[in-house]
Each structure stands twice: as structure tokens, then as C-alpha cells.
Amino acid sequence: ICMIDTQGAFPGPDAEERGQAEAIARNLRAMAALRVPVVVCVIG
């Protein structure tokens, strides 16, 4: 169960230095392939 409540990814240089775009993309790929039920709820 995922609960979403954020304005977005942190737009700072330290986040970009540590591979923010790659981390988000990896999550998208992994979540698409999960073999368990996933329910997402946007709470804010």
C-alpha cells in the first residue's frame, strides 16, 4: 500500500549528484514488474 503526498522530488544539486532521475526510473521499472498486489492512494 503506497500513500502519496508530495510536491515532487527535491530539486537540489545534491539530489542530482546522487542520481535522482535514475532512482525514480528504477522504481518505475521495479514497481511495474512486482508480483504482489500494489494499491496506491493519493492522500494529499
PDB file of all heavy atoms in Angstrom:
ATOM      1  N   ILE A   1       0.859  -1.180   0.000  1.00  0.00           N
ATOM      2  CA  ILE A   1       0.000   0.000   0.000  1.00  0.00           C
ATOM      3  C   ILE A   1       0.893   1.227   0.000  1.00  0.00           C
ATOM      4  O   ILE A   1       1.736   1.383   0.890  1.00  0.00           O
ATOM      5  CB  ILE A   1      -0.934   0.027   1.227  1.00  0.00           C
ATOM      6  CG1 ILE A   1      -1.893  -1.170   1.198  1.00  0.00           C
ATOM      7  CG2 ILE A   1      -1.720   1.340   1.284  1.00  0.00           C
ATOM      8  CD1 ILE A   1      -2.761  -1.298   2.441  1.00  0.00           C
ATOM      9  N   CYS A   2       0.745   2.066  -1.029  1.00  0.00           N
ATOM     10  CA  CYS A   2       1.538   3.291  -1.135  1.00  0.00           C
ATOM     11  C   CYS A   2       0.638   4.503  -0.928  1.00  0.00           C
ATOM     12  O   CYS A   2      -0.441   4.572  -1.517  1.00  0.00           O
ATOM     13  CB  CYS A   2       2.209   3.389  -2.501  1.00  0.00           C
ATOM     14  SG  CYS A   2       3.530   2.203  -2.746  1.00  0.00           S
ATOM     15  N   MET A   3       1.091   5.445  -0.131  1.00  0.00           N
ATOM     16  CA  MET A   3       0.352   6.677   0.106  1.00  0.00           C
ATOM     17  C   MET A   3       1.170   7.859  -0.389  1.00  0.00           C
ATOM     18  O   MET A   3       2.310   8.055   0.043  1.00  0.00           O
ATOM     19  CB  MET A   3       0.000   6.823   1.587  1.00  0.00           C
ATOM     20  CG  MET A   3      -0.971   5.755   2.044  1.00  0.00           C
ATOM     21  SD  MET A   3      -1.672   6.070   3.673  1.00  0.00           S
ATOM     22  CE  MET A   3      -3.028   4.873   3.664  1.00  0.00           C
ATOM     23  N   ILE A   4       0.587   8.606  -1.309  1.00  0.00           N
ATOM     24  CA  ILE A   4       1.297   9.685  -1.990  1.00  0.00           C
ATOM     25  C   ILE A   4       0.897  11.034  -1.427  1.00  0.00           C
ATOM     26  O   ILE A   4      -0.295  11.341  -1.321  1.00  0.00           O
ATOM     27  CB  ILE A   4       1.018   9.627  -3.506  1.00  0.00           C
ATOM     28  CG1 ILE A   4       1.686   8.386  -4.101  1.00  0.00           C
ATOM     29  CG2 ILE A   4       1.493  10.892  -4.204  1.00  0.00           C
ATOM     30  CD1 ILE A   4       1.420   8.198  -5.576  1.00  0.00           C
ATOM     31  N   ASP A   5       1.908  11.834  -1.069  1.00  0.00           N
ATOM     32  CA  ASP A   5       1.651  13.188  -0.555  1.00  0.00           C
ATOM     33  C   ASP A   5       2.944  13.991  -0.630  1.00  0.00           C
ATOM     34  O   ASP A   5       3.668  14.132   0.349  1.00  0.00           O
ATOM     35  CB  ASP A   5       1.131  13.115   0.882  1.00  0.00           C
ATOM     36  CG  ASP A   5       0.714  14.480   1.424  1.00  0.00           C
ATOM     37  OD1 ASP A   5       0.522  15.401   0.611  1.00  0.00           O
ATOM     38  OD2 ASP A   5       0.575  14.628   2.647  1.00  0.00           O
ATOM     39  N   THR A   6       3.255  14.518  -1.810  1.00  0.00           N
ATOM     40  CA  THR A   6       4.490  15.272  -2.001  1.00  0.00           C
ATOM     41  C   THR A   6       4.321  16.267  -3.136  1.00  0.00           C
ATOM     42  O   THR A   6       3.595  16.010  -4.094  1.00  0.00           O
ATOM     43  CB  THR A   6       5.669  14.332  -2.320  1.00  0.00           C
ATOM     44  OG1 THR A   6       6.856  15.106  -2.483  1.00  0.00           O
ATOM     45  CG2 THR A   6       5.419  13.539  -3.595  1.00  0.00           C
ATOM     46  N   GLN A   7       5.009  17.404  -3.031  1.00  0.00           N
ATOM     47  CA  GLN A   7       5.016  18.352  -4.141  1.00  0.00           C
ATOM     48  C   GLN A   7       5.908  17.874  -5.270  1.00  0.00           C
ATOM     49  O   GLN A   7       5.785  18.340  -6.397  1.00  0.00           O
ATOM     50  CB  GLN A   7       5.479  19.731  -3.668  1.00  0.00           C
ATOM     51  CG  GLN A   7       4.423  20.507  -2.909  1.00  0.00           C
ATOM     52  CD  GLN A   7       4.754  21.987  -2.806  1.00  0.00           C
ATOM     53  OE1 GLN A   7       5.898  22.379  -2.889  1.00  0.00           O
ATOM     54  NE2 GLN A   7       3.730  22.803  -2.641  1.00  0.00           N
ATOM     55  N   GLY A   8       6.806  16.959  -4.994  1.00  0.00           N
ATOM     56  CA  GLY A   8       7.690  16.447  -6.027  1.00  0.00           C
ATOM     57  C   GLY A   8       9.039  16.056  -5.466  1.00  0.00           C
ATOM     58  O   GLY A   8       9.300  16.168  -4.271  1.00  0.00           O
ATOM     59  N   ALA A   9       9.901  15.590  -6.349  1.00  0.00           N
ATOM     60  CA  ALA A   9      11.258  15.244  -5.958  1.00  0.00           C
ATOM     61  C   ALA A   9      12.014  16.506  -5.558  1.00  0.00           C
ATOM     62  O   ALA A   9      11.758  17.596  -6.071  1.00  0.00           O
ATOM     63  CB  ALA A   9      11.966  14.549  -7.121  1.00  0.00           C
ATOM     64  N   PHE A  10      12.964  16.362  -4.641  1.00  0.00           N
ATOM     65  CA  PHE A  10      13.721  17.514  -4.171  1.00  0.00           C
ATOM     66  C   PHE A  10      14.591  18.069  -5.310  1.00  0.00           C
ATOM     67  O   PHE A  10      15.423  17.348  -5.873  1.00  0.00           O
ATOM     68  CB  PHE A  10      14.605  17.121  -2.993  1.00  0.00           C
ATOM     69  CG  PHE A  10      15.451  18.253  -2.484  1.00  0.00           C
ATOM     70  CD1 PHE A  10      14.857  19.373  -1.926  1.00  0.00           C
ATOM     71  CD2 PHE A  10      16.830  18.204  -2.577  1.00  0.00           C
ATOM     72  CE1 PHE A  10      15.635  20.433  -1.465  1.00  0.00           C
ATOM     73  CE2 PHE A  10      17.616  19.252  -2.117  1.00  0.00           C
ATOM     74  CZ  PHE A  10      17.010  20.367  -1.556  1.00  0.00           C
ATOM     75  N   PRO A  11      14.447  19.368  -5.656  1.00  0.00           N
ATOM     76  CA  PRO A  11      15.166  19.927  -6.797  1.00  0.00           C
ATOM     77  C   PRO A  11      16.518  20.529  -6.413  1.00  0.00           C
ATOM     78  O   PRO A  11      16.829  21.675  -6.742  1.00  0.00           O
ATOM     79  CB  PRO A  11      14.206  21.021  -7.290  1.00  0.00           C
ATOM     80  CG  PRO A  11      13.581  21.537  -6.035  1.00  0.00           C
ATOM     81  CD  PRO A  11      13.470  20.337  -5.104  1.00  0.00           C
ATOM     82  N   GLY A  12      17.338  19.772  -5.710  1.00  0.00           N
ATOM     83  CA  GLY A  12      18.613  20.300  -5.240  1.00  0.00           C
ATOM     84  C   GLY A  12      19.794  19.636  -5.916  1.00  0.00           C
ATOM     85  O   GLY A  12      19.686  18.505  -6.410  1.00  0.00           O
ATOM     86  N   PRO A  13      20.939  20.289  -5.944  1.00  0.00           N
ATOM     87  CA  PRO A  13      22.119  19.715  -6.611  1.00  0.00           C
ATOM     88  C   PRO A  13      22.597  18.419  -5.975  1.00  0.00           C
ATOM     89  O   PRO A  13      23.086  17.527  -6.673  1.00  0.00           O
ATOM     90  CB  PRO A  13      23.178  20.825  -6.485  1.00  0.00           C
ATOM     91  CG  PRO A  13      22.695  21.722  -5.394  1.00  0.00           C
ATOM     92  CD  PRO A  13      21.204  21.646  -5.432  1.00  0.00           C
ATOM     93  N   ASP A  14      22.457  18.291  -4.644  1.00  0.00           N
ATOM     94  CA  ASP A  14      22.905  17.048  -4.007  1.00  0.00           C
ATOM     95  C   ASP A  14      22.072  15.861  -4.454  1.00  0.00           C
ATOM     96  O   ASP A  14      22.585  14.748  -4.625  1.00  0.00           O
ATOM     97  CB  ASP A  14      22.889  17.186  -2.484  1.00  0.00           C
ATOM     98  CG  ASP A  14      21.520  17.557  -1.930  1.00  0.00           C
ATOM     99  OD1 ASP A  14      20.731  18.186  -2.663  1.00  0.00           O
ATOM    100  OD2 ASP A  14      21.248  17.228  -0.762  1.00  0.00           O
ATOM    101  N   ALA A  15      20.775  16.089  -4.670  1.00  0.00           N
ATOM    102  CA  ALA A  15      19.911  15.013  -5.153  1.00  0.00           C
ATOM    103  C   ALA A  15      20.296  14.605  -6.574  1.00  0.00           C
ATOM    104  O   ALA A  15      20.315  13.413  -6.911  1.00  0.00           O
ATOM    105  CB  ALA A  15      18.454  15.443  -5.095  1.00  0.00           C
ATOM    106  N   GLU A  16      20.614  15.602  -7.408  1.00  0.00           N
ATOM    107  CA  GLU A  16      21.015  15.289  -8.784  1.00  0.00           C
ATOM    108  C   GLU A  16      22.368  14.575  -8.803  1.00  0.00           C
ATOM    109  O   GLU A  16      22.589  13.655  -9.594  1.00  0.00           O
ATOM    110  CB  GLU A  16      21.074  16.575  -9.612  1.00  0.00           C
ATOM    111  CG  GLU A  16      19.745  17.312  -9.729  1.00  0.00           C
ATOM    112  CD  GLU A  16      18.640  16.473 -10.351  1.00  0.00           C
ATOM    113  OE1 GLU A  16      18.950  15.578 -11.169  1.00  0.00           O
ATOM    114  OE2 GLU A  16      17.465  16.705 -10.012  1.00  0.00           O
ATOM    115  N   GLU A  17      23.264  14.980  -7.930  1.00  0.00           N
ATOM    116  CA  GLU A  17      24.579  14.336  -7.868  1.00  0.00           C
ATOM    117  C   GLU A  17      24.474  12.863  -7.489  1.00  0.00           C
ATOM    118  O   GLU A  17      25.302  12.043  -7.918  1.00  0.00           O
ATOM    119  CB  GLU A  17      25.461  15.064  -6.852  1.00  0.00           C
ATOM    120  CG  GLU A  17      25.926  16.441  -7.308  1.00  0.00           C
ATOM    121  CD  GLU A  17      26.562  17.241  -6.188  1.00  0.00           C
ATOM    122  OE1 GLU A  17      26.594  16.728  -5.043  1.00  0.00           O
ATOM    123  OE2 GLU A  17      27.013  18.372  -6.441  1.00  0.00           O
ATOM    124  N   ARG A  18      23.471  12.524  -6.710  1.00  0.00           N
ATOM    125  CA  ARG A  18      23.327  11.135  -6.262  1.00  0.00           C
ATOM    126  C   ARG A  18      22.371  10.338  -7.159  1.00  0.00           C
ATOM    127  O   ARG A  18      21.945   9.257  -6.786  1.00  0.00           O
ATOM    128  CB  ARG A  18      22.838  11.103  -4.809  1.00  0.00           C
ATOM    129  CG  ARG A  18      23.868  11.654  -3.834  1.00  0.00           C
ATOM    130  CD  ARG A  18      23.603  11.224  -2.409  1.00  0.00           C
ATOM    131  NE  ARG A  18      22.390  11.783  -1.850  1.00  0.00           N
ATOM    132  CZ  ARG A  18      22.310  12.984  -1.277  1.00  0.00           C
ATOM    133  NH1 ARG A  18      23.375  13.759  -1.209  1.00  0.00           N
ATOM    134  NH2 ARG A  18      21.173  13.412  -0.784  1.00  0.00           N
ATOM    135  N   GLY A  19      22.045  10.873  -8.328  1.00  0.00           N
ATOM    136  CA  GLY A  19      21.319  10.075  -9.317  1.00  0.00           C
ATOM    137  C   GLY A  19      19.816  10.040  -9.123  1.00  0.00           C
ATOM    138  O   GLY A  19      19.208   8.968  -9.144  1.00  0.00           O
ATOM    139  N   GLN A  20      19.204  11.213  -8.975  1.00  0.00           N
ATOM    140  CA  GLN A  20      17.764  11.253  -8.720  1.00  0.00           C
ATOM    141  C   GLN A  20      16.945  10.666  -9.862  1.00  0.00           C
ATOM    142  O   GLN A  20      16.032   9.869  -9.640  1.00  0.00           O
ATOM    143  CB  GLN A  20      17.321  12.693  -8.456  1.00  0.00           C
ATOM    144  CG  GLN A  20      15.840  12.847  -8.164  1.00  0.00           C
ATOM    145  CD  GLN A  20      15.581  13.915  -7.145  1.00  0.00           C
ATOM    146  OE1 GLN A  20      15.575  13.628  -5.953  1.00  0.00           O
ATOM    147  NE2 GLN A  20      15.401  15.145  -7.583  1.00  0.00           N
ATOM    148  N   ALA A  21      17.234  11.080 -11.091  1.00  0.00           N
ATOM    149  CA  ALA A  21      16.453  10.591 -12.230  1.00  0.00           C
ATOM    150  C   ALA A  21      16.559   9.075 -12.359  1.00  0.00           C
ATOM    151  O   ALA A  21      15.563   8.380 -12.625  1.00  0.00           O
ATOM    152  CB  ALA A  21      16.922  11.271 -13.517  1.00  0.00           C
ATOM    153  N   GLU A  22      17.771   8.546 -12.150  1.00  0.00           N
ATOM    154  CA  GLU A  22      17.967   7.086 -12.232  1.00  0.00           C
ATOM    155  C   GLU A  22      17.200   6.366 -11.139  1.00  0.00           C
ATOM    156  O   GLU A  22      16.612   5.298 -11.370  1.00  0.00           O
ATOM    157  CB  GLU A  22      19.463   6.781 -12.144  1.00  0.00           C
ATOM    158  CG  GLU A  22      19.824   5.313 -12.306  1.00  0.00           C
ATOM    159  CD  GLU A  22      19.800   4.542 -10.986  1.00  0.00           C
ATOM    160  OE1 GLU A  22      19.788   5.177  -9.909  1.00  0.00           O
ATOM    161  OE2 GLU A  22      19.783   3.298 -11.041  1.00  0.00           O
ATOM    162  N   ALA A  23      17.175   6.949  -9.932  1.00  0.00           N
ATOM    163  CA  ALA A  23      16.468   6.309  -8.823  1.00  0.00           C
ATOM    164  C   ALA A  23      14.970   6.249  -9.083  1.00  0.00           C
ATOM    165  O   ALA A  23      14.322   5.226  -8.814  1.00  0.00           O
ATOM    166  CB  ALA A  23      16.747   7.073  -7.521  1.00  0.00           C
ATOM    167  N   ILE A  24      14.413   7.335  -9.620  1.00  0.00           N
ATOM    168  CA  ILE A  24      12.981   7.340  -9.947  1.00  0.00           C
ATOM    169  C   ILE A  24      12.683   6.339 -11.048  1.00  0.00           C
ATOM    170  O   ILE A  24      11.727   5.560 -10.967  1.00  0.00           O
ATOM    171  CB  ILE A  24      12.535   8.762 -10.341  1.00  0.00           C
ATOM    172  CG1 ILE A  24      12.618   9.708  -9.144  1.00  0.00           C
ATOM    173  CG2 ILE A  24      11.110   8.738 -10.899  1.00  0.00           C
ATOM    174  CD1 ILE A  24      12.356  11.162  -9.475  1.00  0.00           C
ATOM    175  N   ALA A  25      13.508   6.346 -12.093  1.00  0.00           N
ATOM    176  CA  ALA A  25      13.287   5.417 -13.214  1.00  0.00           C
ATOM    177  C   ALA A  25      13.378   3.967 -12.761  1.00  0.00           C
ATOM    178  O   ALA A  25      12.593   3.114 -13.204  1.00  0.00           O
ATOM    179  CB  ALA A  25      14.309   5.701 -14.312  1.00  0.00           C
ATOM    180  N   ARG A  26      14.310   3.671 -11.884  1.00  0.00           N
ATOM    181  CA  ARG A  26      14.453   2.295 -11.384  1.00  0.00           C
ATOM    182  C   ARG A  26      13.199   1.875 -10.611  1.00  0.00           C
ATOM    183  O   ARG A  26      12.759   0.720 -10.714  1.00  0.00           O
ATOM    184  CB  ARG A  26      15.699   2.192 -10.505  1.00  0.00           C
ATOM    185  CG  ARG A  26      16.048   0.776 -10.082  1.00  0.00           C
ATOM    186  CD  ARG A  26      17.292   0.800  -9.209  1.00  0.00           C
ATOM    187  NE  ARG A  26      18.475   1.162  -9.969  1.00  0.00           N
ATOM    188  CZ  ARG A  26      19.267   0.278 -10.583  1.00  0.00           C
ATOM    189  NH1 ARG A  26      18.981  -1.021 -10.523  1.00  0.00           N
ATOM    190  NH2 ARG A  26      20.342   0.679 -11.241  1.00  0.00           N
ATOM    191  N   ASN A  27      12.627   2.798  -9.834  1.00  0.00           N
ATOM    192  CA  ASN A  27      11.394   2.483  -9.114  1.00  0.00           C
ATOM    193  C   ASN A  27      10.254   2.184 -10.080  1.00  0.00           C
ATOM    194  O   ASN A  27       9.456   1.259  -9.865  1.00  0.00           O
ATOM    195  CB  ASN A  27      10.999   3.643  -8.198  1.00  0.00           C
ATOM    196  CG  ASN A  27      11.689   3.573  -6.851  1.00  0.00           C
ATOM    197  OD1 ASN A  27      12.797   3.073  -6.749  1.00  0.00           O
ATOM    198  ND2 ASN A  27      11.041   4.083  -5.820  1.00  0.00           N
ATOM    199  N   LEU A  28      10.131   2.994 -11.134  1.00  0.00           N
ATOM    200  CA  LEU A  28       9.058   2.768 -12.110  1.00  0.00           C
ATOM    201  C   LEU A  28       9.177   1.373 -12.719  1.00  0.00           C
ATOM    202  O   LEU A  28       8.181   0.654 -12.852  1.00  0.00           O
ATOM    203  CB  LEU A  28       9.112   3.826 -13.216  1.00  0.00           C
ATOM    204  CG  LEU A  28       9.006   5.290 -12.796  1.00  0.00           C
ATOM    205  CD1 LEU A  28       9.006   6.190 -14.026  1.00  0.00           C
ATOM    206  CD2 LEU A  28       7.762   5.539 -11.961  1.00  0.00           C
ATOM    207  N   ARG A  29      10.381   1.004 -13.105  1.00  0.00           N
ATOM    208  CA  ARG A  29      10.597  -0.317 -13.711  1.00  0.00           C
ATOM    209  C   ARG A  29      10.297  -1.432 -12.713  1.00  0.00           C
ATOM    210  O   ARG A  29       9.627  -2.421 -13.049  1.00  0.00           O
ATOM    211  CB  ARG A  29      12.038  -0.430 -14.218  1.00  0.00           C
ATOM    212  CG  ARG A  29      12.329  -1.744 -14.930  1.00  0.00           C
ATOM    213  CD  ARG A  29      13.749  -1.802 -15.435  1.00  0.00           C
ATOM    214  NE  ARG A  29      14.710  -1.855 -14.332  1.00  0.00           N
ATOM    215  CZ  ARG A  29      16.034  -1.902 -14.521  1.00  0.00           C
ATOM    216  NH1 ARG A  29      16.544  -1.869 -15.742  1.00  0.00           N
ATOM    217  NH2 ARG A  29      16.843  -1.964 -13.482  1.00  0.00           N
ATOM    218  N   ALA A  30      10.780  -1.265 -11.491  1.00  0.00           N
ATOM    219  CA  ALA A  30      10.591  -2.320 -10.494  1.00  0.00           C
ATOM    220  C   ALA A  30       9.135  -2.479 -10.101  1.00  0.00           C
ATOM    221  O   ALA A  30       8.632  -3.610  -9.976  1.00  0.00           O
ATOM    222  CB  ALA A  30      11.453  -2.017  -9.264  1.00  0.00           C
ATOM    223  N   MET A  31       8.419  -1.354  -9.894  1.00  0.00           N
ATOM    224  CA  MET A  31       7.017  -1.452  -9.494  1.00  0.00           C
ATOM    225  C   MET A  31       6.171  -2.082 -10.592  1.00  0.00           C
ATOM    226  O   MET A  31       5.220  -2.822 -10.309  1.00  0.00           O
ATOM    227  CB  MET A  31       6.465  -0.077  -9.133  1.00  0.00           C
ATOM    228  CG  MET A  31       7.044   0.535  -7.874  1.00  0.00           C
ATOM    229  SD  MET A  31       6.146   2.008  -7.323  1.00  0.00           S
ATOM    230  CE  MET A  31       4.723   1.237  -6.514  1.00  0.00           C
ATOM    231  N   ALA A  32       6.504  -1.802 -11.837  1.00  0.00           N
ATOM    232  CA  ALA A  32       5.750  -2.391 -12.938  1.00  0.00           C
ATOM    233  C   ALA A  32       5.889  -3.906 -12.969  1.00  0.00           C
ATOM    234  O   ALA A  32       4.999  -4.609 -13.470  1.00  0.00           O
ATOM    235  CB  ALA A  32       6.219  -1.792 -14.262  1.00  0.00           C
ATOM    236  N   ALA A  33       6.985  -4.424 -12.436  1.00  0.00           N
ATOM    237  CA  ALA A  33       7.255  -5.855 -12.511  1.00  0.00           C
ATOM    238  C   ALA A  33       6.941  -6.610 -11.229  1.00  0.00           C
ATOM    239  O   ALA A  33       7.124  -7.831 -11.181  1.00  0.00           O
ATOM    240  CB  ALA A  33       8.722  -6.071 -12.881  1.00  0.00           C
ATOM    241  N   LEU A  34       6.471  -5.942 -10.197  1.00  0.00           N
ATOM    242  CA  LEU A  34       6.197  -6.617  -8.930  1.00  0.00           C
ATOM    243  C   LEU A  34       5.150  -7.724  -9.097  1.00  0.00           C
ATOM    244  O   LEU A  34       4.179  -7.574  -9.841  1.00  0.00           O
ATOM    245  CB  LEU A  34       5.718  -5.605  -7.887  1.00  0.00           C
ATOM    246  CG  LEU A  34       6.774  -4.647  -7.328  1.00  0.00           C
ATOM    247  CD1 LEU A  34       6.120  -3.544  -6.506  1.00  0.00           C
ATOM    248  CD2 LEU A  34       7.807  -5.387  -6.500  1.00  0.00           C
ATOM    249  N   ARG A  35       5.344  -8.807  -8.352  1.00  0.00           N
ATOM    250  CA  ARG A  35       4.421  -9.947  -8.426  1.00  0.00           C
ATOM    251  C   ARG A  35       3.467 -10.000  -7.241  1.00  0.00           C
ATOM    252  O   ARG A  35       2.907 -11.050  -6.946  1.00  0.00           O
ATOM    253  CB  ARG A  35       5.225 -11.256  -8.516  1.00  0.00           C
ATOM    254  CG  ARG A  35       6.070 -11.367  -9.766  1.00  0.00           C
ATOM    255  CD  ARG A  35       6.839 -12.670  -9.799  1.00  0.00           C
ATOM    256  NE  ARG A  35       7.667 -12.772 -10.989  1.00  0.00           N
ATOM    257  CZ  ARG A  35       7.242 -13.238 -12.158  1.00  0.00           C
ATOM    258  NH1 ARG A  35       6.001 -13.656 -12.291  1.00  0.00           N
ATOM    259  NH2 ARG A  35       8.070 -13.299 -13.195  1.00  0.00           N
ATOM    260  N   VAL A  36       3.320  -8.876  -6.552  1.00  0.00           N
ATOM    261  CA  VAL A  36       2.359  -8.786  -5.446  1.00  0.00           C
ATOM    262  C   VAL A  36       1.409  -7.630  -5.743  1.00  0.00           C
ATOM    263  O   VAL A  36       1.751  -6.718  -6.502  1.00  0.00           O
ATOM    264  CB  VAL A  36       3.063  -8.566  -4.093  1.00  0.00           C
ATOM    265  CG1 VAL A  36       3.866  -9.787  -3.695  1.00  0.00           C
ATOM    266  CG2 VAL A  36       3.940  -7.326  -4.134  1.00  0.00           C
ATOM    267  N   PRO A  37       0.197  -7.650  -5.177  1.00  0.00           N
ATOM    268  CA  PRO A  37      -0.747  -6.548  -5.401  1.00  0.00           C
ATOM    269  C   PRO A  37      -0.196  -5.226  -4.878  1.00  0.00           C
ATOM    270  O   PRO A  37       0.431  -5.178  -3.818  1.00  0.00           O
ATOM    271  CB  PRO A  37      -1.985  -6.970  -4.616  1.00  0.00           C
ATOM    272  CG  PRO A  37      -1.870  -8.449  -4.468  1.00  0.00           C
ATOM    273  CD  PRO A  37      -0.405  -8.732  -4.368  1.00  0.00           C
ATOM    274  N   VAL A  38      -0.430  -4.161  -5.638  1.00  0.00           N
ATOM    275  CA  VAL A  38       0.001  -2.818  -5.245  1.00  0.00           C
ATOM    276  C   VAL A  38      -1.195  -1.880  -5.351  1.00  0.00           C
ATOM    277  O   VAL A  38      -1.771  -1.717  -6.431  1.00  0.00           O
ATOM    278  CB  VAL A  38       1.138  -2.293  -6.139  1.00  0.00           C
ATOM    279  CG1 VAL A  38       1.597  -0.909  -5.645  1.00  0.00           C
ATOM    280  CG2 VAL A  38       2.312  -3.258  -6.179  1.00  0.00           C
ATOM    281  N   VAL A  39      -1.580  -1.276  -4.221  1.00  0.00           N
ATOM    282  CA  VAL A  39      -2.649  -0.274  -4.205  1.00  0.00           C
ATOM    283  C   VAL A  39      -2.033   1.057  -3.831  1.00  0.00           C
ATOM    284  O   VAL A  39      -1.358   1.182  -2.805  1.00  0.00           O
ATOM    285  CB  VAL A  39      -3.765  -0.648  -3.201  1.00  0.00           C
ATOM    286  CG1 VAL A  39      -4.834   0.451  -3.167  1.00  0.00           C
ATOM    287  CG2 VAL A  39      -4.391  -1.981  -3.570  1.00  0.00           C
ATOM    288  N   VAL A  40      -2.252   2.043  -4.677  1.00  0.00           N
ATOM    289  CA  VAL A  40      -1.719   3.390  -4.465  1.00  0.00           C
ATOM    290  C   VAL A  40      -2.874   4.311  -4.084  1.00  0.00           C
ATOM    291  O   VAL A  40      -3.936   4.258  -4.711  1.00  0.00           O
ATOM    292  CB  VAL A  40      -1.032   3.915  -5.741  1.00  0.00           C
ATOM    293  CG1 VAL A  40      -0.585   5.362  -5.557  1.00  0.00           C
ATOM    294  CG2 VAL A  40       0.143   3.024  -6.112  1.00  0.00           C
ATOM    295  N   CYS A  41      -2.684   5.142  -3.083  1.00  0.00           N
ATOM    296  CA  CYS A  41      -3.718   6.101  -2.683  1.00  0.00           C
ATOM    297  C   CYS A  41      -3.089   7.489  -2.558  1.00  0.00           C
ATOM    298  O   CYS A  41      -2.155   7.686  -1.773  1.00  0.00           O
ATOM    299  CB  CYS A  41      -4.349   5.696  -1.348  1.00  0.00           C
ATOM    300  SG  CYS A  41      -5.751   6.734  -0.876  1.00  0.00           S
ATOM    301  N   VAL A  42      -3.573   8.441  -3.363  1.00  0.00           N
ATOM    302  CA  VAL A  42      -3.113   9.823  -3.273  1.00  0.00           C
ATOM    303  C   VAL A  42      -3.909  10.483  -2.149  1.00  0.00           C
ATOM    304  O   VAL A  42      -5.106  10.741  -2.291  1.00  0.00           O
ATOM    305  CB  VAL A  42      -3.315  10.575  -4.600  1.00  0.00           C
ATOM    306  CG1 VAL A  42      -2.732  11.979  -4.507  1.00  0.00           C
ATOM    307  CG2 VAL A  42      -2.691   9.813  -5.760  1.00  0.00           C
ATOM    308  N   ILE A  43      -3.247  10.741  -1.022  1.00  0.00           N
ATOM    309  CA  ILE A  43      -3.949  11.246   0.156  1.00  0.00           C
ATOM    310  C   ILE A  43      -3.878  12.760   0.267  1.00  0.00           C
ATOM    311  O   ILE A  43      -4.620  13.366   1.041  1.00  0.00           O
ATOM    312  CB  ILE A  43      -3.408  10.607   1.451  1.00  0.00           C
ATOM    313  CG1 ILE A  43      -1.903  10.882   1.595  1.00  0.00           C
ATOM    314  CG2 ILE A  43      -3.690   9.104   1.461  1.00  0.00           C
ATOM    315  CD1 ILE A  43      -1.317  10.406   2.915  1.00  0.00           C
ATOM    316  N   GLY A  44      -2.965  13.373  -0.492  1.00  0.00           N
ATOM    317  CA  GLY A  44      -2.817  14.826  -0.443  1.00  0.00           C
ATOM    318  C   GLY A  44      -2.438  15.351  -1.801  1.00  0.00           C
ATOM    319  O   GLY A  44      -3.210  15.285  -2.747  1.00  0.00           O
TER     320      GLY A  44
END
